[in-house]
Amino acid sequence: MDRYYRDEPNEVFSHKVKAGKRTYIIDVRATRTNDYYITITERKRRYDGDGFDKQKIHLYKEDFNKFVRGLTETIEYVKTELMPEYDYDRYDGNDGYDDWDYEQRN
């Protein structure tokens, strides 16, 4: 996971999560009135190898708590009810690839 601060005007903070063939980028952004919101971007390489597909959601401060509760409950349901035997800790870390190696392989 990479954490870094951005120098661009409306980007305050960014957190990159590398997850196999996908990368999730969680950015804190500022509005012109110094209000803040979060964008979550999923980036994955296209099947034809020509660039990336991106999906993005915007999460506003009034929804933070509801979103976290919903996401936590959903993950716990999958972990305890649907797939309790699965080893979720298996994928902690960077899967053994450094950034350059992963980009070159995929």
N, C-alpha and C. Protein backbone atom coordinates (compact mmCIF):
# COMPACT_ATOMS: atom_id res chain seq x y z
N MET A 1 0.84 -1.17 0.00
CA MET A 1 0.00 0.00 0.00
C MET A 1 0.89 1.24 0.00
N ASP A 2 0.55 2.16 -0.82
CA ASP A 2 1.30 3.40 -0.89
C ASP A 2 0.42 4.53 -0.39
N ARG A 3 0.99 5.38 0.46
CA ARG A 3 0.29 6.57 0.92
C ARG A 3 1.12 7.76 0.53
N TYR A 4 0.48 8.76 0.01
CA TYR A 4 1.22 9.95 -0.35
C TYR A 4 0.29 11.14 -0.43
N TYR A 5 0.90 12.30 -0.31
CA TYR A 5 0.14 13.55 -0.42
C TYR A 5 0.32 14.08 -1.83
N ARG A 6 -0.71 14.67 -2.36
CA ARG A 6 -0.69 15.19 -3.71
C ARG A 6 -0.37 16.67 -3.72
N ASP A 7 0.23 17.12 -4.81
CA ASP A 7 0.50 18.54 -4.98
C ASP A 7 -0.55 19.22 -5.84
N GLU A 8 -1.45 18.45 -6.43
CA GLU A 8 -2.48 19.03 -7.28
C GLU A 8 -3.49 19.76 -6.40
N PRO A 9 -4.08 20.83 -6.91
CA PRO A 9 -4.91 21.71 -6.08
C PRO A 9 -6.04 21.03 -5.31
N ASN A 10 -6.80 20.14 -5.92
CA ASN A 10 -7.94 19.58 -5.21
C ASN A 10 -7.68 18.20 -4.63
N GLU A 11 -6.49 17.66 -4.79
CA GLU A 11 -6.16 16.35 -4.23
C GLU A 11 -5.33 16.54 -2.97
N VAL A 12 -5.87 16.11 -1.84
CA VAL A 12 -5.26 16.35 -0.54
C VAL A 12 -4.40 15.17 -0.10
N PHE A 13 -4.90 13.97 -0.31
CA PHE A 13 -4.25 12.76 0.18
C PHE A 13 -4.65 11.61 -0.72
N SER A 14 -3.75 10.64 -0.88
CA SER A 14 -4.06 9.48 -1.71
C SER A 14 -3.49 8.23 -1.07
N HIS A 15 -4.22 7.14 -1.23
CA HIS A 15 -3.81 5.85 -0.69
C HIS A 15 -4.00 4.81 -1.80
N LYS A 16 -2.93 4.15 -2.20
CA LYS A 16 -3.01 3.17 -3.27
C LYS A 16 -2.94 1.77 -2.69
N VAL A 17 -3.89 0.91 -3.10
CA VAL A 17 -3.94 -0.47 -2.65
C VAL A 17 -3.78 -1.36 -3.87
N LYS A 18 -2.66 -2.07 -3.94
CA LYS A 18 -2.43 -2.99 -5.05
C LYS A 18 -2.99 -4.34 -4.68
N ALA A 19 -3.82 -4.88 -5.55
CA ALA A 19 -4.52 -6.14 -5.25
C ALA A 19 -4.49 -7.02 -6.49
N GLY A 20 -3.37 -7.70 -6.71
CA GLY A 20 -3.26 -8.58 -7.87
C GLY A 20 -3.31 -7.79 -9.17
N LYS A 21 -4.29 -8.08 -10.01
CA LYS A 21 -4.41 -7.40 -11.29
C LYS A 21 -5.15 -6.08 -11.19
N ARG A 22 -5.60 -5.74 -9.99
CA ARG A 22 -6.33 -4.49 -9.78
C ARG A 22 -5.55 -3.58 -8.85
N THR A 23 -5.78 -2.30 -9.01
CA THR A 23 -5.27 -1.30 -8.08
C THR A 23 -6.45 -0.44 -7.67
N TYR A 24 -6.58 -0.22 -6.37
CA TYR A 24 -7.60 0.67 -5.84
C TYR A 24 -6.90 1.94 -5.37
N ILE A 25 -7.40 3.07 -5.80
CA ILE A 25 -6.83 4.35 -5.40
C ILE A 25 -7.90 5.11 -4.65
N ILE A 26 -7.59 5.46 -3.41
CA ILE A 26 -8.53 6.16 -2.54
C ILE A 26 -7.97 7.56 -2.34
N ASP A 27 -8.66 8.55 -2.87
CA ASP A 27 -8.20 9.94 -2.82
C ASP A 27 -9.12 10.78 -1.95
N VAL A 28 -8.52 11.69 -1.20
CA VAL A 28 -9.28 12.73 -0.52
C VAL A 28 -9.14 13.97 -1.40
N ARG A 29 -10.26 14.56 -1.74
CA ARG A 29 -10.26 15.74 -2.60
C ARG A 29 -10.96 16.90 -1.89
N ALA A 30 -10.56 18.10 -2.25
CA ALA A 30 -11.15 19.31 -1.68
C ALA A 30 -11.98 20.02 -2.73
N THR A 31 -13.09 20.59 -2.27
CA THR A 31 -13.90 21.43 -3.16
C THR A 31 -13.35 22.86 -3.08
N ARG A 32 -13.89 23.74 -3.89
CA ARG A 32 -13.46 25.15 -3.87
C ARG A 32 -13.77 25.82 -2.53
N THR A 33 -14.75 25.29 -1.82
CA THR A 33 -15.12 25.87 -0.52
C THR A 33 -14.48 25.13 0.65
N ASN A 34 -13.42 24.38 0.38
CA ASN A 34 -12.69 23.61 1.39
C ASN A 34 -13.55 22.60 2.12
N ASP A 35 -14.44 21.97 1.40
CA ASP A 35 -15.15 20.81 1.89
C ASP A 35 -14.40 19.61 1.31
N TYR A 36 -14.58 18.42 1.87
CA TYR A 36 -13.81 17.27 1.43
C TYR A 36 -14.72 16.10 1.08
N TYR A 37 -14.27 15.30 0.13
CA TYR A 37 -14.96 14.07 -0.25
C TYR A 37 -13.90 13.07 -0.68
N ILE A 38 -14.32 11.84 -0.83
CA ILE A 38 -13.40 10.75 -1.19
C ILE A 38 -13.80 10.20 -2.55
N THR A 39 -12.81 9.89 -3.37
CA THR A 39 -13.07 9.12 -4.58
C THR A 39 -12.35 7.79 -4.42
N ILE A 40 -13.02 6.74 -4.86
CA ILE A 40 -12.44 5.40 -4.87
C ILE A 40 -12.42 4.95 -6.32
N THR A 41 -11.23 4.68 -6.82
CA THR A 41 -11.06 4.28 -8.21
C THR A 41 -10.50 2.87 -8.27
N GLU A 42 -11.14 2.02 -9.07
CA GLU A 42 -10.60 0.70 -9.36
C GLU A 42 -9.97 0.79 -10.74
N ARG A 43 -8.72 0.37 -10.83
CA ARG A 43 -8.03 0.38 -12.12
C ARG A 43 -7.54 -1.03 -12.39
N LYS A 44 -7.87 -1.56 -13.58
CA LYS A 44 -7.35 -2.87 -13.96
C LYS A 44 -7.02 -2.87 -15.44
N ARG A 45 -6.01 -3.65 -15.76
CA ARG A 45 -5.55 -3.73 -17.14
C ARG A 45 -6.61 -4.39 -18.00
N ARG A 46 -6.80 -3.86 -19.19
CA ARG A 46 -7.76 -4.45 -20.14
C ARG A 46 -7.27 -5.81 -20.59
N TYR A 47 -8.22 -6.67 -20.94
CA TYR A 47 -7.89 -8.02 -21.38
C TYR A 47 -7.00 -8.03 -22.61
N ASP A 48 -7.18 -7.06 -23.50
CA ASP A 48 -6.36 -7.02 -24.71
C ASP A 48 -4.99 -6.40 -24.46
N GLY A 49 -4.73 -5.98 -23.21
CA GLY A 49 -3.43 -5.42 -22.84
C GLY A 49 -3.24 -3.98 -23.27
N ASP A 50 -4.28 -3.37 -23.83
CA ASP A 50 -4.18 -2.01 -24.35
C ASP A 50 -4.79 -1.01 -23.36
N GLY A 51 -4.02 -0.64 -22.35
CA GLY A 51 -4.48 0.36 -21.39
C GLY A 51 -5.21 -0.23 -20.21
N PHE A 52 -5.96 0.63 -19.53
CA PHE A 52 -6.65 0.24 -18.31
C PHE A 52 -8.12 0.63 -18.37
N ASP A 53 -8.94 -0.13 -17.66
CA ASP A 53 -10.33 0.25 -17.41
C ASP A 53 -10.38 0.84 -16.01
N LYS A 54 -11.17 1.88 -15.84
CA LYS A 54 -11.31 2.51 -14.54
C LYS A 54 -12.77 2.64 -14.18
N GLN A 55 -13.04 2.39 -12.92
CA GLN A 55 -14.36 2.61 -12.34
C GLN A 55 -14.16 3.54 -11.15
N LYS A 56 -15.04 4.50 -10.96
CA LYS A 56 -14.85 5.46 -9.89
C LYS A 56 -16.17 5.73 -9.18
N ILE A 57 -16.09 5.85 -7.85
CA ILE A 57 -17.25 6.31 -7.08
C ILE A 57 -16.82 7.51 -6.24
N HIS A 58 -17.76 8.37 -5.96
CA HIS A 58 -17.54 9.54 -5.10
C HIS A 58 -18.28 9.29 -3.80
N LEU A 59 -17.61 9.52 -2.70
CA LEU A 59 -18.19 9.30 -1.39
C LEU A 59 -18.14 10.62 -0.61
N TYR A 60 -19.30 11.10 -0.23
CA TYR A 60 -19.41 12.40 0.44
C TYR A 60 -19.50 12.23 1.94
N LYS A 61 -19.03 13.24 2.68
CA LYS A 61 -18.87 13.15 4.14
C LYS A 61 -20.13 12.71 4.86
N GLU A 62 -21.28 13.13 4.38
CA GLU A 62 -22.53 12.76 5.06
C GLU A 62 -22.85 11.27 4.92
N ASP A 63 -22.13 10.59 4.02
CA ASP A 63 -22.36 9.16 3.80
C ASP A 63 -21.24 8.28 4.35
N PHE A 64 -20.17 8.86 4.90
CA PHE A 64 -19.02 8.08 5.36
C PHE A 64 -19.44 6.97 6.32
N ASN A 65 -20.14 7.30 7.38
CA ASN A 65 -20.48 6.30 8.40
C ASN A 65 -21.38 5.20 7.85
N LYS A 66 -22.36 5.58 7.04
CA LYS A 66 -23.26 4.58 6.45
C LYS A 66 -22.49 3.66 5.52
N PHE A 67 -21.60 4.23 4.73
CA PHE A 67 -20.82 3.44 3.78
C PHE A 67 -19.93 2.45 4.52
N VAL A 68 -19.22 2.92 5.54
CA VAL A 68 -18.32 2.05 6.30
C VAL A 68 -19.11 0.92 6.97
N ARG A 69 -20.25 1.26 7.58
CA ARG A 69 -21.09 0.22 8.20
C ARG A 69 -21.56 -0.80 7.18
N GLY A 70 -22.05 -0.33 6.05
CA GLY A 70 -22.54 -1.24 5.01
C GLY A 70 -21.44 -2.12 4.45
N LEU A 71 -20.29 -1.54 4.20
CA LEU A 71 -19.16 -2.31 3.66
C LEU A 71 -18.68 -3.34 4.69
N THR A 72 -18.56 -2.92 5.94
CA THR A 72 -18.10 -3.83 7.00
C THR A 72 -19.08 -4.99 7.18
N GLU A 73 -20.38 -4.70 7.24
CA GLU A 73 -21.38 -5.76 7.39
C GLU A 73 -21.36 -6.73 6.21
N THR A 74 -21.19 -6.20 5.01
CA THR A 74 -21.18 -7.04 3.82
C THR A 74 -19.96 -7.94 3.81
N ILE A 75 -18.80 -7.40 4.13
CA ILE A 75 -17.57 -8.21 4.16
C ILE A 75 -17.67 -9.28 5.24
N GLU A 76 -18.16 -8.91 6.41
CA GLU A 76 -18.31 -9.89 7.50
C GLU A 76 -19.28 -11.00 7.11
N TYR A 77 -20.35 -10.67 6.41
CA TYR A 77 -21.32 -11.68 5.96
C TYR A 77 -20.64 -12.68 5.03
N VAL A 78 -19.88 -12.18 4.06
CA VAL A 78 -19.19 -13.08 3.13
C VAL A 78 -18.20 -13.94 3.89
N LYS A 79 -17.42 -13.32 4.81
CA LYS A 79 -16.39 -14.06 5.54
C LYS A 79 -16.97 -15.11 6.49
N THR A 80 -18.08 -14.81 7.13
CA THR A 80 -18.60 -15.74 8.15
C THR A 80 -19.70 -16.66 7.66
N GLU A 81 -20.52 -16.20 6.73
CA GLU A 81 -21.66 -17.00 6.29
C GLU A 81 -21.44 -17.71 4.95
N LEU A 82 -20.84 -17.02 4.00
CA LEU A 82 -20.71 -17.60 2.66
C LEU A 82 -19.41 -18.37 2.45
N MET A 83 -18.32 -17.84 2.97
CA MET A 83 -17.02 -18.47 2.72
C MET A 83 -16.15 -18.49 3.98
N PRO A 84 -16.61 -19.11 5.06
CA PRO A 84 -15.83 -19.10 6.29
C PRO A 84 -14.52 -19.88 6.21
N GLU A 85 -14.44 -20.82 5.29
CA GLU A 85 -13.24 -21.65 5.17
C GLU A 85 -12.12 -20.99 4.37
N TYR A 86 -12.42 -19.91 3.69
CA TYR A 86 -11.44 -19.25 2.84
C TYR A 86 -10.38 -18.54 3.68
N ASP A 87 -9.13 -18.59 3.26
CA ASP A 87 -8.02 -17.95 3.97
C ASP A 87 -7.84 -16.52 3.45
N TYR A 88 -8.53 -15.57 4.06
CA TYR A 88 -8.48 -14.18 3.62
C TYR A 88 -7.13 -13.54 3.90
N ASP A 89 -6.40 -14.01 4.89
CA ASP A 89 -5.09 -13.46 5.21
C ASP A 89 -4.03 -13.84 4.18
N ARG A 90 -4.35 -14.79 3.35
CA ARG A 90 -3.41 -15.25 2.31
C ARG A 90 -2.96 -14.11 1.40
N TYR A 91 -3.83 -13.14 1.20
CA TYR A 91 -3.53 -12.08 0.24
C TYR A 91 -3.10 -10.77 0.89
N ASP A 92 -2.75 -10.80 2.16
CA ASP A 92 -2.16 -9.60 2.76
C ASP A 92 -0.78 -9.40 2.15
N GLY A 93 -0.37 -8.15 2.01
CA GLY A 93 0.93 -7.87 1.40
C GLY A 93 0.79 -7.58 -0.07
N ASN A 94 1.89 -7.70 -0.81
CA ASN A 94 1.88 -7.31 -2.22
C ASN A 94 1.98 -8.50 -3.17
N ASP A 95 1.60 -9.68 -2.72
CA ASP A 95 1.60 -10.89 -3.55
C ASP A 95 2.98 -11.24 -4.09
N GLY A 96 4.04 -10.73 -3.47
CA GLY A 96 5.39 -11.09 -3.87
C GLY A 96 5.93 -10.32 -5.05
N TYR A 97 5.21 -9.38 -5.58
CA TYR A 97 5.70 -8.61 -6.72
C TYR A 97 5.96 -7.17 -6.30
N ASP A 98 7.05 -6.62 -6.76
CA ASP A 98 7.22 -5.18 -6.55
C ASP A 98 6.52 -4.46 -7.69
N ASP A 99 6.39 -3.15 -7.59
CA ASP A 99 5.62 -2.38 -8.57
C ASP A 99 6.11 -2.60 -9.99
N TRP A 100 7.40 -2.50 -10.20
CA TRP A 100 7.96 -2.61 -11.55
C TRP A 100 7.73 -4.00 -12.10
N ASP A 101 8.01 -5.01 -11.28
CA ASP A 101 7.86 -6.39 -11.71
C ASP A 101 6.43 -6.70 -12.09
N TYR A 102 5.48 -6.24 -11.28
CA TYR A 102 4.08 -6.51 -11.57
C TYR A 102 3.66 -5.86 -12.87
N GLU A 103 4.03 -4.60 -13.08
CA GLU A 103 3.64 -3.89 -14.31
C GLU A 103 4.26 -4.57 -15.54
N GLN A 104 5.47 -5.08 -15.40
CA GLN A 104 6.12 -5.74 -16.53
C GLN A 104 5.47 -7.09 -16.85
N ARG A 105 5.00 -7.80 -15.84
CA ARG A 105 4.42 -9.13 -16.03
C ARG A 105 3.00 -9.05 -16.59
N ASN A 106 2.29 -7.96 -16.31
CA ASN A 106 0.88 -7.90 -16.66
C ASN A 106 0.62 -6.83 -17.64
